[in-house]
């Protein structure tokens, strides 16, 4: 059973969209990794969480203070806050005023 011209066009269009999307995603990922490497070489460390991710981490810590992973989560949160206060150029979209307002979470 042969495909019609419209079928071939749909098939080729789908393949082009799939490959185009995959190529763009790969390009963006590699560009981000190059930027991280550049910052690591320049500063010796980079921020580990975006503003939203750190806020969600803080929220999780408050909601789950007795969870077995809470201690590790507090440590990682506080480590990110310390790094953000030390570095000049964060990888994620941190504003300087937001970094200055950050506080560590209390250890249990």
N, C-alpha and C. Protein backbone atom coordinates (compact mmCIF):
# COMPACT_ATOMS: atom_id res chain seq x y z
N UNK A 1 0.84 -1.17 0.00
CA UNK A 1 0.00 0.00 0.00
C UNK A 1 0.89 1.24 0.00
N UNK A 2 0.79 2.08 -0.98
CA UNK A 2 1.61 3.26 -1.14
C UNK A 2 0.96 4.47 -0.48
N UNK A 3 1.82 5.37 0.01
CA UNK A 3 1.32 6.61 0.60
C UNK A 3 0.97 7.60 -0.50
N UNK A 4 -0.04 8.38 -0.24
CA UNK A 4 -0.40 9.44 -1.18
C UNK A 4 0.59 10.59 -1.04
N UNK A 5 0.54 11.54 -1.93
CA UNK A 5 1.42 12.71 -1.86
C UNK A 5 1.18 13.44 -0.55
N UNK A 6 -0.07 13.60 -0.16
CA UNK A 6 -0.40 14.26 1.11
C UNK A 6 0.16 13.49 2.30
N UNK A 7 0.14 12.19 2.22
CA UNK A 7 0.70 11.36 3.29
C UNK A 7 2.20 11.55 3.42
N UNK A 8 2.89 11.57 2.26
CA UNK A 8 4.34 11.79 2.26
C UNK A 8 4.68 13.18 2.81
N UNK A 9 3.92 14.16 2.42
CA UNK A 9 4.16 15.52 2.90
C UNK A 9 3.97 15.58 4.42
N UNK A 10 2.92 14.95 4.91
CA UNK A 10 2.68 14.91 6.36
C UNK A 10 3.81 14.18 7.09
N UNK A 11 4.23 13.07 6.53
CA UNK A 11 5.30 12.29 7.12
C UNK A 11 6.60 13.09 7.16
N UNK A 12 6.98 13.68 6.06
CA UNK A 12 8.22 14.47 6.00
C UNK A 12 8.12 15.71 6.89
N UNK A 13 6.96 16.32 6.93
CA UNK A 13 6.77 17.48 7.80
C UNK A 13 6.92 17.10 9.27
N UNK A 14 6.37 15.97 9.65
CA UNK A 14 6.50 15.49 11.03
C UNK A 14 7.95 15.20 11.39
N UNK A 15 8.66 14.57 10.49
CA UNK A 15 10.07 14.27 10.71
C UNK A 15 10.87 15.56 10.85
N UNK A 16 10.59 16.53 9.98
CA UNK A 16 11.30 17.82 10.04
C UNK A 16 11.02 18.53 11.36
N UNK A 17 9.78 18.53 11.80
CA UNK A 17 9.44 19.17 13.08
C UNK A 17 10.13 18.45 14.23
N UNK A 18 10.12 17.13 14.21
CA UNK A 18 10.76 16.35 15.27
C UNK A 18 12.26 16.63 15.31
N UNK A 19 12.91 16.55 14.17
CA UNK A 19 14.36 16.79 14.12
C UNK A 19 14.69 18.24 14.44
N UNK A 20 13.88 19.16 13.98
CA UNK A 20 14.12 20.57 14.27
C UNK A 20 14.02 20.86 15.75
N UNK A 21 13.00 20.32 16.39
CA UNK A 21 12.82 20.51 17.83
C UNK A 21 13.96 19.86 18.60
N UNK A 22 14.32 18.66 18.23
CA UNK A 22 15.42 17.95 18.91
C UNK A 22 16.74 18.70 18.75
N UNK A 23 17.00 19.20 17.55
CA UNK A 23 18.24 19.94 17.29
C UNK A 23 18.27 21.23 18.11
N UNK A 24 17.16 21.94 18.17
CA UNK A 24 17.09 23.18 18.95
C UNK A 24 17.30 22.88 20.44
N UNK A 25 16.67 21.84 20.95
CA UNK A 25 16.82 21.48 22.37
C UNK A 25 18.28 21.11 22.68
N UNK A 26 18.91 20.37 21.79
CA UNK A 26 20.31 20.00 21.97
C UNK A 26 21.20 21.24 21.95
N UNK A 27 20.97 22.14 21.02
CA UNK A 27 21.73 23.37 20.93
C UNK A 27 21.60 24.19 22.22
N UNK A 28 20.38 24.36 22.70
CA UNK A 28 20.16 25.14 23.94
C UNK A 28 20.84 24.48 25.13
N UNK A 29 20.73 23.17 25.23
CA UNK A 29 21.35 22.45 26.35
C UNK A 29 22.86 22.61 26.33
N UNK A 30 23.46 22.43 25.16
CA UNK A 30 24.91 22.56 25.05
C UNK A 30 25.37 23.99 25.31
N UNK A 31 24.61 24.96 24.86
CA UNK A 31 24.94 26.36 25.11
C UNK A 31 24.89 26.65 26.62
N UNK A 32 23.85 26.14 27.30
CA UNK A 32 23.74 26.32 28.76
C UNK A 32 24.91 25.66 29.48
N UNK A 33 25.27 24.46 29.05
CA UNK A 33 26.39 23.77 29.69
C UNK A 33 27.71 24.50 29.47
N UNK A 34 27.89 25.06 28.28
CA UNK A 34 29.09 25.88 28.02
C UNK A 34 29.13 27.08 28.95
N UNK A 35 27.99 27.71 29.15
CA UNK A 35 27.91 28.88 30.04
C UNK A 35 28.23 28.48 31.48
N UNK A 36 27.70 27.35 31.92
CA UNK A 36 27.99 26.87 33.28
C UNK A 36 29.49 26.61 33.44
N UNK A 37 30.09 25.97 32.45
CA UNK A 37 31.52 25.68 32.50
C UNK A 37 32.34 26.96 32.54
N UNK A 38 31.95 27.93 31.75
CA UNK A 38 32.62 29.23 31.74
C UNK A 38 32.56 29.89 33.12
N UNK A 39 31.39 29.86 33.73
CA UNK A 39 31.23 30.45 35.07
C UNK A 39 32.03 29.68 36.11
N UNK A 40 32.05 28.35 36.00
CA UNK A 40 32.82 27.54 36.94
C UNK A 40 34.31 27.86 36.84
N UNK A 41 34.80 27.99 35.62
CA UNK A 41 36.22 28.30 35.43
C UNK A 41 36.54 29.70 35.95
N UNK A 42 35.64 30.63 35.76
CA UNK A 42 35.85 32.02 36.15
C UNK A 42 35.70 32.25 37.65
N UNK A 43 34.67 31.63 38.25
CA UNK A 43 34.32 31.90 39.65
C UNK A 43 34.67 30.76 40.60
N UNK A 44 34.84 29.57 40.06
CA UNK A 44 35.12 28.41 40.90
C UNK A 44 33.88 27.70 41.41
N UNK A 45 32.71 28.32 41.26
CA UNK A 45 31.45 27.71 41.67
C UNK A 45 30.30 28.46 41.01
N UNK A 46 29.14 27.79 40.95
CA UNK A 46 27.94 28.43 40.39
C UNK A 46 26.76 28.12 41.29
N UNK A 47 25.72 28.93 41.14
CA UNK A 47 24.49 28.69 41.88
C UNK A 47 23.87 27.38 41.42
N UNK A 48 23.25 26.69 42.35
CA UNK A 48 22.71 25.37 42.05
C UNK A 48 21.21 25.36 41.82
N UNK A 49 20.53 26.45 42.20
CA UNK A 49 19.07 26.50 42.05
C UNK A 49 18.65 27.84 41.46
N UNK A 50 17.59 27.79 40.66
CA UNK A 50 16.98 29.01 40.15
C UNK A 50 16.18 29.66 41.28
N UNK A 51 15.77 30.91 41.13
CA UNK A 51 14.97 31.54 42.18
C UNK A 51 13.70 30.74 42.51
N UNK A 52 13.02 30.26 41.50
CA UNK A 52 11.79 29.49 41.74
C UNK A 52 12.11 28.16 42.43
N UNK A 53 13.15 27.49 41.99
CA UNK A 53 13.50 26.20 42.60
C UNK A 53 13.91 26.37 44.06
N UNK A 54 14.67 27.42 44.37
CA UNK A 54 15.08 27.63 45.76
C UNK A 54 13.87 27.98 46.62
N UNK A 55 12.93 28.75 46.09
CA UNK A 55 11.70 29.07 46.82
C UNK A 55 10.89 27.80 47.09
N UNK A 56 10.81 26.93 46.10
CA UNK A 56 10.09 25.67 46.28
C UNK A 56 10.79 24.78 47.29
N UNK A 57 12.11 24.79 47.28
CA UNK A 57 12.88 24.02 48.26
C UNK A 57 12.61 24.53 49.67
N UNK A 58 12.64 25.85 49.83
CA UNK A 58 12.35 26.47 51.13
C UNK A 58 10.94 26.10 51.60
N UNK A 59 9.99 26.14 50.69
CA UNK A 59 8.61 25.79 51.00
C UNK A 59 8.51 24.32 51.44
N UNK A 60 9.21 23.45 50.75
CA UNK A 60 9.19 22.03 51.10
C UNK A 60 9.77 21.83 52.50
N UNK A 61 10.86 22.53 52.80
CA UNK A 61 11.50 22.40 54.12
C UNK A 61 10.52 22.81 55.22
N UNK A 62 9.82 23.92 55.00
CA UNK A 62 8.85 24.38 56.00
C UNK A 62 7.70 23.39 56.16
N UNK A 63 7.26 22.80 55.07
CA UNK A 63 6.13 21.87 55.11
C UNK A 63 6.50 20.48 55.63
N UNK A 64 7.79 20.12 55.58
CA UNK A 64 8.23 18.77 55.94
C UNK A 64 9.44 18.80 56.88
N UNK A 65 9.34 19.46 58.02
CA UNK A 65 10.52 19.61 58.89
C UNK A 65 11.03 18.30 59.48
N UNK A 66 10.18 17.29 59.57
CA UNK A 66 10.59 16.03 60.19
C UNK A 66 10.87 14.92 59.17
N UNK A 67 10.84 15.25 57.91
CA UNK A 67 11.11 14.27 56.87
C UNK A 67 12.57 13.81 56.98
N UNK A 68 12.85 12.54 56.70
CA UNK A 68 14.23 12.05 56.75
C UNK A 68 15.19 12.82 55.81
N UNK A 69 14.66 13.41 54.76
CA UNK A 69 15.51 14.15 53.83
C UNK A 69 15.62 15.64 54.19
N UNK A 70 14.95 16.07 55.23
CA UNK A 70 14.92 17.50 55.58
C UNK A 70 16.31 18.04 55.89
N UNK A 71 17.11 17.28 56.60
CA UNK A 71 18.45 17.75 56.97
C UNK A 71 19.31 18.00 55.72
N UNK A 72 19.30 17.06 54.81
CA UNK A 72 20.06 17.20 53.56
C UNK A 72 19.51 18.37 52.74
N UNK A 73 18.21 18.51 52.72
CA UNK A 73 17.57 19.59 51.97
C UNK A 73 17.95 20.95 52.56
N UNK A 74 17.96 21.07 53.88
CA UNK A 74 18.40 22.32 54.53
C UNK A 74 19.85 22.64 54.16
N UNK A 75 20.68 21.62 54.20
CA UNK A 75 22.09 21.82 53.88
C UNK A 75 22.26 22.33 52.46
N UNK A 76 21.55 21.72 51.52
CA UNK A 76 21.65 22.14 50.12
C UNK A 76 21.10 23.55 49.91
N UNK A 77 20.01 23.86 50.57
CA UNK A 77 19.45 25.22 50.49
C UNK A 77 20.46 26.24 51.00
N UNK A 78 20.99 25.99 52.17
CA UNK A 78 21.93 26.93 52.78
C UNK A 78 23.22 27.06 51.96
N UNK A 79 23.66 25.96 51.38
CA UNK A 79 24.84 25.98 50.53
C UNK A 79 24.61 26.88 49.31
N UNK A 80 23.43 26.78 48.71
CA UNK A 80 23.11 27.61 47.55
C UNK A 80 23.07 29.09 47.95
N UNK A 81 22.50 29.39 49.11
CA UNK A 81 22.45 30.78 49.58
C UNK A 81 23.87 31.32 49.78
N UNK A 82 24.74 30.52 50.38
CA UNK A 82 26.13 30.95 50.60
C UNK A 82 26.84 31.21 49.28
N UNK A 83 26.67 30.31 48.33
CA UNK A 83 27.31 30.46 47.02
C UNK A 83 26.79 31.72 46.33
N UNK A 84 25.50 31.94 46.35
CA UNK A 84 24.92 33.12 45.71
C UNK A 84 25.49 34.41 46.29
N UNK A 85 25.75 34.41 47.58
CA UNK A 85 26.28 35.62 48.21
C UNK A 85 27.77 35.82 47.89
N UNK A 86 28.47 34.73 47.52
CA UNK A 86 29.90 34.82 47.20
C UNK A 86 30.18 35.17 45.74
N UNK A 87 29.37 34.66 44.83
CA UNK A 87 29.68 34.81 43.41
C UNK A 87 29.23 36.17 42.86
N UNK A 88 29.86 36.57 41.78
CA UNK A 88 29.52 37.84 41.14
C UNK A 88 28.46 37.68 40.06
N UNK A 89 28.47 36.54 39.39
CA UNK A 89 27.60 36.35 38.24
C UNK A 89 26.88 35.01 38.34
N UNK A 90 25.60 35.02 38.74
CA UNK A 90 24.86 33.75 38.82
C UNK A 90 24.47 33.23 37.44
N UNK A 91 24.30 31.92 37.36
CA UNK A 91 23.87 31.31 36.11
C UNK A 91 22.37 31.53 35.90
N UNK A 92 21.60 31.31 36.96
CA UNK A 92 20.15 31.46 36.87
C UNK A 92 19.79 32.94 37.02
N UNK A 93 18.56 33.29 36.78
CA UNK A 93 18.12 34.69 36.72
C UNK A 93 17.97 35.37 38.07
N UNK A 94 19.03 35.42 38.85
CA UNK A 94 18.98 36.06 40.16
C UNK A 94 19.24 37.55 40.06
N UNK A 95 18.41 38.34 40.72
CA UNK A 95 18.65 39.77 40.87
C UNK A 95 19.46 39.97 42.14
N UNK A 96 20.36 40.92 42.13
CA UNK A 96 21.23 41.16 43.29
C UNK A 96 20.42 41.43 44.55
N UNK A 97 19.33 42.20 44.43
CA UNK A 97 18.52 42.52 45.62
C UNK A 97 17.85 41.26 46.18
N UNK A 98 17.48 40.32 45.31
CA UNK A 98 16.88 39.06 45.77
C UNK A 98 17.92 38.22 46.50
N UNK A 99 19.15 38.21 46.01
CA UNK A 99 20.23 37.46 46.66
C UNK A 99 20.51 38.05 48.04
N UNK A 100 20.56 39.36 48.11
CA UNK A 100 20.84 40.01 49.39
C UNK A 100 19.74 39.75 50.41
N UNK A 101 18.51 39.53 49.95
CA UNK A 101 17.39 39.27 50.85
C UNK A 101 17.32 37.81 51.31
N UNK A 102 18.07 36.92 50.67
CA UNK A 102 18.02 35.50 51.02
C UNK A 102 18.58 35.26 52.42
N UNK A 103 17.95 34.32 53.09
CA UNK A 103 18.43 33.89 54.41
C UNK A 103 18.51 32.39 54.43
N UNK A 104 19.42 31.89 55.24
CA UNK A 104 19.53 30.45 55.41
C UNK A 104 18.33 29.95 56.21
N UNK A 105 18.00 28.69 56.02
CA UNK A 105 16.97 28.07 56.84
C UNK A 105 17.63 27.51 58.09
N UNK A 106 16.91 27.51 59.17
CA UNK A 106 17.46 27.04 60.43
C UNK A 106 17.61 25.53 60.41
N UNK A 107 18.72 25.09 60.99
CA UNK A 107 18.95 23.66 61.15
C UNK A 107 18.03 23.13 62.25
N UNK A 108 17.59 21.91 62.11
CA UNK A 108 16.68 21.32 63.11
C UNK A 108 17.42 20.95 64.37
